[in-house]
Amino acid sequence: MSDTLGADPAHGRQSQGTQGARGVAKSATPAPPRAAAHRRGRARMRLEITVLSAPAIIMFLAFVIFPIVLAAYYGFYRWKGYGDPTDWVGLGNYKLILTDPAFHDVLWHNGLLLVLSLVVQGPIAIGLALLLNQKIRGRSAIRVLVFVPYIVSEIIVGIGWGLILQSNGAANGLLERIGLGSLTADWIADPDLAIWTLIAIITWKYIGFAVILMLAGLQSIPEEIFEAAQIDGATYWQIQRRITLPLLGPTIRIWAFLSIIGSLQLFDLVYIIWGPYVAGTTGTSTMAIYMLAQGRNAGNYGYGSAVAVVMFVISLVVALIYQRFVLRRDLRGAVTEGTV
């Protein structure tokens, strides 16, 4: 009896230790219901992502990717725009595009518009944004006036400026009335002035968008930084140079990217003011105008499709190069913040 009683405590301690070890093992292993709930939550999240992103993906495939593939297909044919294409020319359309001096000219025009848009619009937009970021009387009204041209339809802008800049239009009439008749010119038809006329119209039309972006970037900079710089004795221009412009860099780079893509695809204003054929004689023709004139208007839709593919490739290459070398640090910072 005593032996049995003496053995019980030891046996009890052993059984307790075994149960404790089992309890630790059970607690270290996740409970099956919790794992199942976690899997159900991940499956539900994947389903939500699929349902919410499916319409956008379908629209992108239907209205972006499919037309590009279809244009690439038609670009291998000499096609009149009706019936199934049967006259196979292979890379003949693309070879003709790349060797056509007229295409070289319009490519140069697009490049010139791209550079001039950045050089002209950038400083003006930054200056107006700095001015409108100050507490001045009538600031809201000035912001509206600056932004209004951007929301006006390109058709209205093109027709309006086309009438104003005619040889007998309002611009020359105003110059004559104020005694500057010697400055009157044929702003639209003169090949030496047409490209600068186009730059002026583009700047007037799209400067509001750039100003709004710059204002958003300026208002995202904390005021404490400027106050600290003023306490340290920095002048206004030193603050703008050393603080404002570096912190405004990401906004400037995004605006420049959008402006580059828009310059490569410019069509509407040139077509409305000059037309597809006059634009070629005045030095304002663009790749999109060339595509219209040599493709649709010439009845060669296969060639026009090939031009569209070339435009897409040029825009894509420029966009990838810009993102690789200019937007790289901005994207890297976004990825780093997302992973943290």
Protein backbone atom coordinates (compact mmCIF):
# COMPACT_ATOMS: atom_id res chain seq x y z
CA MET A 1 0.00 0.00 0.00
CA SER A 2 2.74 2.32 0.94
CA ASP A 3 4.59 1.44 -2.24
CA THR A 4 1.54 2.24 -4.23
CA LEU A 5 1.07 5.54 -2.47
CA GLY A 6 4.75 6.34 -2.88
CA ALA A 7 4.64 5.72 -6.55
CA ASP A 8 1.57 7.86 -7.14
CA PRO A 9 3.23 11.27 -6.73
CA ALA A 10 6.01 10.42 -9.10
CA HIS A 11 3.59 9.00 -11.59
CA GLY A 12 1.44 12.08 -11.17
CA ARG A 13 4.36 14.38 -11.82
CA GLN A 14 5.33 12.37 -14.88
CA SER A 15 1.81 12.49 -16.27
CA GLN A 16 1.62 16.22 -15.58
CA GLY A 17 4.90 16.78 -17.39
CA THR A 18 3.66 14.76 -20.33
CA GLN A 19 0.43 16.70 -20.45
CA GLY A 20 2.37 19.99 -20.24
CA ALA A 21 4.59 18.97 -23.14
CA ARG A 22 1.53 18.00 -25.15
CA GLY A 23 -0.07 21.34 -24.30
CA VAL A 24 3.01 23.22 -25.51
CA ALA A 25 3.08 21.19 -28.68
CA LYS A 26 -0.59 21.85 -29.28
CA SER A 27 -0.16 25.57 -28.65
CA ALA A 28 2.85 25.74 -30.98
CA THR A 29 0.87 24.17 -33.81
CA PRO A 30 -1.83 26.47 -35.29
CA ALA A 31 -5.33 25.28 -34.78
CA PRO A 32 -6.91 23.82 -37.91
CA PRO A 33 -9.95 26.12 -37.75
CA ARG A 34 -7.72 29.19 -37.69
CA ALA A 35 -5.68 27.97 -40.68
CA ALA A 36 -8.87 27.23 -42.59
CA ALA A 37 -10.22 30.69 -41.80
CA HIS A 38 -6.95 32.20 -43.01
CA ARG A 39 -7.19 30.27 -46.27
CA ARG A 40 -10.80 31.33 -46.72
CA GLY A 41 -9.80 34.96 -46.12
CA ARG A 42 -7.05 34.79 -48.76
CA ALA A 43 -9.40 33.12 -51.23
CA ARG A 44 -12.01 35.81 -50.60
CA MET A 45 -9.41 38.54 -51.11
CA ARG A 46 -8.31 36.99 -54.41
CA LEU A 47 -11.92 36.79 -55.52
CA GLU A 48 -12.54 40.44 -54.65
CA ILE A 49 -9.42 41.51 -56.54
CA THR A 50 -10.48 39.47 -59.56
CA VAL A 51 -14.04 40.81 -59.57
CA LEU A 52 -12.97 44.44 -59.11
CA SER A 53 -10.11 44.38 -61.64
CA ALA A 54 -11.80 42.21 -64.29
CA PRO A 55 -13.83 45.05 -65.92
CA ALA A 56 -10.75 47.26 -66.22
CA ILE A 57 -8.66 44.40 -67.60
CA ILE A 58 -11.35 43.47 -70.11
CA MET A 59 -11.68 47.11 -71.24
CA PHE A 60 -7.90 47.43 -71.56
CA LEU A 61 -7.62 44.24 -73.60
CA ALA A 62 -10.59 45.15 -75.80
CA PHE A 63 -9.79 48.81 -76.51
CA VAL A 64 -5.97 48.93 -76.24
CA ILE A 65 -4.28 45.58 -76.76
CA PHE A 66 -6.68 44.16 -79.37
CA PRO A 67 -6.56 47.26 -81.64
CA ILE A 68 -2.76 47.26 -81.45
CA VAL A 69 -2.60 43.59 -82.45
CA LEU A 70 -5.15 44.19 -85.21
CA ALA A 71 -3.21 47.20 -86.53
CA ALA A 72 0.00 45.14 -86.52
CA TYR A 73 -1.82 42.44 -88.53
CA TYR A 74 -3.19 44.87 -91.11
CA GLY A 75 0.23 46.52 -91.36
CA PHE A 76 1.53 43.47 -93.19
CA TYR A 77 -0.96 43.96 -96.04
CA ARG A 78 -1.76 46.48 -98.72
CA TRP A 79 -5.36 46.96 -97.66
CA LYS A 80 -8.06 49.37 -98.84
CA GLY A 81 -10.16 49.21 -95.68
CA TYR A 82 -12.90 46.84 -96.79
CA GLY A 83 -13.04 43.07 -97.12
CA ASP A 84 -10.38 40.70 -95.88
CA PRO A 85 -6.79 41.79 -96.56
CA THR A 86 -5.20 39.53 -99.19
CA ASP A 87 -2.33 41.55 -100.68
CA TRP A 88 0.49 40.46 -98.39
CA VAL A 89 3.52 42.80 -98.39
CA GLY A 90 5.23 41.61 -95.23
CA LEU A 91 7.54 44.27 -93.83
CA GLY A 92 7.20 46.39 -96.98
CA ASN A 93 5.01 49.01 -95.30
CA TYR A 94 7.38 49.35 -92.38
CA LYS A 95 10.42 49.63 -94.66
CA LEU A 96 8.67 52.36 -96.64
CA ILE A 97 7.82 54.26 -93.47
CA LEU A 98 11.35 54.18 -92.11
CA THR A 99 12.86 55.25 -95.45
CA ASP A 100 10.28 57.92 -96.33
CA PRO A 101 11.76 61.45 -96.02
CA ALA A 102 8.27 62.78 -95.22
CA PHE A 103 8.10 60.53 -92.16
CA HIS A 104 11.54 61.74 -91.11
CA ASP A 105 10.23 65.29 -91.28
CA VAL A 106 7.17 64.62 -89.15
CA LEU A 107 9.29 62.69 -86.66
CA TRP A 108 11.55 65.73 -86.40
CA HIS A 109 8.50 67.96 -85.90
CA ASN A 110 7.27 65.76 -83.05
CA GLY A 111 10.69 65.82 -81.43
CA LEU A 112 10.89 69.59 -81.75
CA LEU A 113 7.41 70.02 -80.27
CA LEU A 114 8.39 67.69 -77.42
CA VAL A 115 11.49 69.69 -76.51
CA LEU A 116 9.86 73.10 -76.94
CA SER A 117 6.84 72.06 -74.87
CA LEU A 118 9.09 71.09 -71.97
CA VAL A 119 11.34 74.14 -72.28
CA VAL A 120 8.51 76.67 -72.66
CA GLN A 121 5.72 75.24 -70.50
CA GLY A 122 7.87 74.02 -67.62
CA PRO A 123 9.33 77.36 -66.42
CA ILE A 124 6.04 79.20 -67.03
CA ALA A 125 4.06 76.60 -65.07
CA ILE A 126 6.50 76.66 -62.14
CA GLY A 127 6.50 80.46 -62.07
CA LEU A 128 2.71 80.69 -62.13
CA ALA A 129 2.43 77.98 -59.49
CA LEU A 130 4.83 79.84 -57.18
CA LEU A 131 2.85 83.04 -57.72
CA LEU A 132 -0.55 81.42 -57.17
CA ASN A 133 0.73 79.63 -54.09
CA GLN A 134 1.16 83.00 -52.40
CA LYS A 135 -1.63 84.74 -50.51
CA ILE A 136 -2.59 87.37 -53.06
CA ARG A 137 -5.92 89.01 -53.83
CA GLY A 138 -7.92 87.28 -56.53
CA ARG A 139 -5.86 84.09 -56.35
CA SER A 140 -8.86 81.81 -56.86
CA ALA A 141 -10.07 83.74 -59.90
CA ILE A 142 -6.60 83.64 -61.47
CA ARG A 143 -6.40 79.89 -60.91
CA VAL A 144 -9.71 79.43 -62.68
CA LEU A 145 -8.66 81.62 -65.61
CA VAL A 146 -5.41 79.71 -65.99
CA PHE A 147 -7.14 76.33 -65.92
CA VAL A 148 -10.12 77.18 -68.16
CA PRO A 149 -8.26 76.72 -71.51
CA TYR A 150 -7.38 73.16 -70.54
CA ILE A 151 -11.00 72.11 -70.19
CA VAL A 152 -12.13 73.84 -73.39
CA SER A 153 -12.64 71.43 -76.28
CA GLU A 154 -9.81 71.15 -78.81
CA ILE A 155 -12.30 71.80 -81.61
CA ILE A 156 -13.30 75.14 -80.12
CA VAL A 157 -9.68 76.07 -79.45
CA GLY A 158 -8.59 75.10 -82.96
CA ILE A 159 -11.40 76.95 -84.74
CA GLY A 160 -11.06 80.01 -82.51
CA TRP A 161 -7.30 80.38 -82.90
CA GLY A 162 -7.55 79.57 -86.60
CA LEU A 163 -9.89 82.54 -87.09
CA ILE A 164 -7.87 84.84 -84.84
CA LEU A 165 -4.53 84.12 -86.55
CA GLN A 166 -5.65 84.42 -90.16
CA SER A 167 -3.93 87.05 -92.26
CA ASN A 168 -7.04 89.26 -91.92
CA GLY A 169 -7.90 88.00 -88.44
CA ALA A 170 -8.15 89.67 -85.06
CA ALA A 171 -4.46 89.31 -84.16
CA ASN A 172 -3.21 91.32 -87.14
CA GLY A 173 -6.09 93.76 -86.76
CA LEU A 174 -5.09 94.45 -83.15
CA LEU A 175 -1.46 94.98 -84.11
CA GLU A 176 -2.47 97.51 -86.76
CA ARG A 177 -4.76 99.40 -84.38
CA ILE A 178 -2.03 99.83 -81.75
CA GLY A 179 0.50 101.03 -84.32
CA LEU A 180 2.45 97.77 -84.72
CA GLY A 181 1.37 97.03 -88.27
CA SER A 182 4.94 96.09 -89.20
CA LEU A 183 4.60 93.01 -86.97
CA THR A 184 1.61 91.58 -88.80
CA ALA A 185 2.26 88.24 -90.43
CA ASP A 186 0.55 85.16 -91.80
CA TRP A 187 0.85 83.24 -88.55
CA ILE A 188 -0.65 80.04 -89.90
CA ALA A 189 0.63 79.73 -93.48
CA ASP A 190 4.17 81.06 -93.05
CA PRO A 191 6.48 78.01 -92.66
CA ASP A 192 8.92 80.05 -90.58
CA LEU A 193 6.23 81.05 -88.07
CA ALA A 194 3.80 78.14 -88.09
CA ILE A 195 5.74 75.93 -85.68
CA TRP A 196 6.03 78.79 -83.17
CA THR A 197 2.34 79.56 -83.59
CA LEU A 198 1.60 75.94 -82.76
CA ILE A 199 3.84 76.07 -79.69
CA ALA A 200 2.07 79.22 -78.48
CA ILE A 201 -1.36 77.62 -78.90
CA ILE A 202 -0.27 74.40 -77.17
CA THR A 203 1.22 76.38 -74.31
CA TRP A 204 -1.95 78.43 -73.87
CA LYS A 205 -4.09 75.29 -74.03
CA TYR A 206 -2.20 72.98 -71.68
CA ILE A 207 -0.40 75.31 -69.27
CA GLY A 208 -3.34 75.12 -66.85
CA PHE A 209 -2.88 71.39 -66.35
CA ALA A 210 0.81 71.88 -65.57
CA VAL A 211 0.06 74.70 -63.14
CA ILE A 212 -2.49 72.59 -61.26
CA LEU A 213 0.03 69.77 -60.92
CA MET A 214 2.72 72.15 -59.68
CA LEU A 215 0.34 73.72 -57.18
CA ALA A 216 -0.55 70.30 -55.82
CA GLY A 217 3.13 69.53 -55.44
CA LEU A 218 3.83 72.84 -53.70
CA GLN A 219 0.97 72.41 -51.24
CA SER A 220 2.27 68.97 -50.28
CA ILE A 221 5.53 70.51 -49.00
CA PRO A 222 5.34 71.21 -45.23
CA GLU A 223 5.39 74.89 -44.30
CA GLU A 224 7.80 74.16 -41.41
CA ILE A 225 10.61 73.60 -43.89
CA PHE A 226 10.26 77.10 -45.34
CA GLU A 227 9.93 78.65 -41.89
CA ALA A 228 13.11 76.92 -40.72
CA ALA A 229 14.97 78.14 -43.82
CA GLN A 230 13.80 81.72 -43.21
CA ILE A 231 14.94 81.55 -39.59
CA ASP A 232 18.36 80.39 -40.80
CA GLY A 233 18.56 83.50 -42.98
CA ALA A 234 17.85 82.02 -46.43
CA THR A 235 16.52 84.41 -49.03
CA TYR A 236 13.39 83.79 -51.11
CA TRP A 237 15.32 82.67 -54.18
CA GLN A 238 17.63 80.47 -52.14
CA ILE A 239 14.58 78.75 -50.63
CA GLN A 240 13.10 78.15 -54.08
CA ARG A 241 16.35 76.84 -55.47
CA ARG A 242 17.52 74.72 -52.54
CA ILE A 243 14.18 73.52 -51.14
CA THR A 244 11.19 74.07 -53.41
CA LEU A 245 12.56 72.78 -56.71
CA PRO A 246 14.17 69.61 -55.26
CA LEU A 247 11.02 68.72 -53.34
CA LEU A 248 8.93 69.54 -56.41
CA GLY A 249 11.07 67.19 -58.51
CA PRO A 250 8.70 64.18 -58.52
CA THR A 251 5.79 66.37 -59.68
CA ILE A 252 7.91 67.95 -62.41
CA ARG A 253 9.03 64.55 -63.64
CA ILE A 254 5.49 63.20 -63.79
CA TRP A 255 4.30 66.30 -65.67
CA ALA A 256 7.22 65.99 -68.10
CA PHE A 257 6.34 62.35 -68.74
CA LEU A 258 2.73 63.23 -69.58
CA SER A 259 3.85 66.13 -71.76
CA ILE A 260 6.27 63.89 -73.69
CA ILE A 261 3.59 61.31 -74.45
CA GLY A 262 1.13 64.04 -75.45
CA SER A 263 3.68 65.65 -77.79
CA LEU A 264 4.36 62.36 -79.56
CA GLN A 265 0.64 61.80 -80.14
CA LEU A 266 -0.39 65.37 -81.01
CA PHE A 267 -3.10 65.41 -83.64
CA ASP A 268 -6.31 67.34 -82.99
CA LEU A 269 -5.11 70.94 -82.86
CA VAL A 270 -2.88 70.53 -85.92
CA TYR A 271 -5.64 68.85 -87.90
CA ILE A 272 -8.26 71.45 -87.02
CA ILE A 273 -6.10 74.52 -87.69
CA TRP A 274 -3.93 73.37 -90.59
CA GLY A 275 -5.46 70.18 -91.97
CA PRO A 276 -3.51 67.09 -93.05
CA TYR A 277 -2.05 68.59 -96.23
CA VAL A 278 -1.43 72.22 -95.27
CA ALA A 279 0.37 71.04 -92.13
CA GLY A 280 2.91 69.24 -94.31
CA THR A 281 3.78 72.42 -96.21
CA THR A 282 4.05 74.64 -93.13
CA GLY A 283 6.29 72.39 -91.03
CA THR A 284 3.63 71.58 -88.43
CA SER A 285 2.74 68.07 -89.54
CA THR A 286 3.04 65.30 -86.94
CA MET A 287 3.18 61.51 -87.03
CA ALA A 288 -0.57 61.30 -86.44
CA ILE A 289 -1.23 63.73 -89.31
CA TYR A 290 1.09 61.68 -91.54
CA MET A 291 -0.82 58.53 -90.60
CA LEU A 292 -4.12 60.15 -91.58
CA ALA A 293 -2.85 61.63 -94.84
CA GLN A 294 -0.96 58.56 -96.06
CA GLY A 295 -3.38 56.01 -94.68
CA ARG A 296 -7.05 56.90 -94.54
CA ASN A 297 -7.06 59.83 -96.97
CA ALA A 298 -4.89 57.92 -99.44
CA GLY A 299 -7.09 54.83 -99.21
CA ASN A 300 -4.21 52.69 -97.94
CA TYR A 301 -5.37 51.49 -94.55
CA GLY A 302 -2.66 48.87 -94.34
CA TYR A 303 0.02 51.54 -94.56
CA GLY A 304 -1.82 53.70 -92.04
CA SER A 305 -2.01 50.73 -89.65
CA ALA A 306 1.73 50.25 -89.99
CA VAL A 307 2.29 53.94 -89.18
CA ALA A 308 0.11 53.51 -86.08
CA VAL A 309 2.26 50.58 -84.95
CA VAL A 310 5.44 52.59 -85.48
CA MET A 311 3.97 55.45 -83.44
CA PHE A 312 3.08 53.01 -80.67
CA VAL A 313 6.58 51.52 -80.63
CA ILE A 314 8.23 54.95 -80.55
CA SER A 315 5.99 56.11 -77.69
CA LEU A 316 6.53 52.87 -75.79
CA VAL A 317 10.32 53.02 -76.15
CA VAL A 318 10.42 56.67 -75.06
CA ALA A 319 8.16 55.90 -72.08
CA LEU A 320 10.26 52.93 -70.98
CA ILE A 321 13.52 54.87 -71.30
CA TYR A 322 12.07 57.78 -69.35
CA GLN A 323 10.82 55.50 -66.58
CA ARG A 324 14.11 53.65 -66.49
CA PHE A 325 16.40 56.65 -66.18
CA VAL A 326 14.22 59.51 -64.89
CA LEU A 327 11.39 58.04 -62.84
CA ARG A 328 13.55 55.26 -61.44
CA ARG A 329 14.22 56.77 -58.02
CA ASP A 330 10.59 57.87 -57.60
CA LEU A 331 9.34 54.38 -58.38
CA ARG A 332 12.02 52.84 -56.16
CA GLY A 333 10.87 54.99 -53.28
CA ALA A 334 7.26 53.94 -53.83
CA VAL A 335 8.24 50.27 -53.90
CA THR A 336 10.32 50.64 -50.75
CA GLU A 337 7.48 52.32 -48.87
CA GLY A 338 5.06 49.65 -50.05
CA THR A 339 7.28 46.82 -48.90
CA VAL A 340 7.90 48.40 -45.52
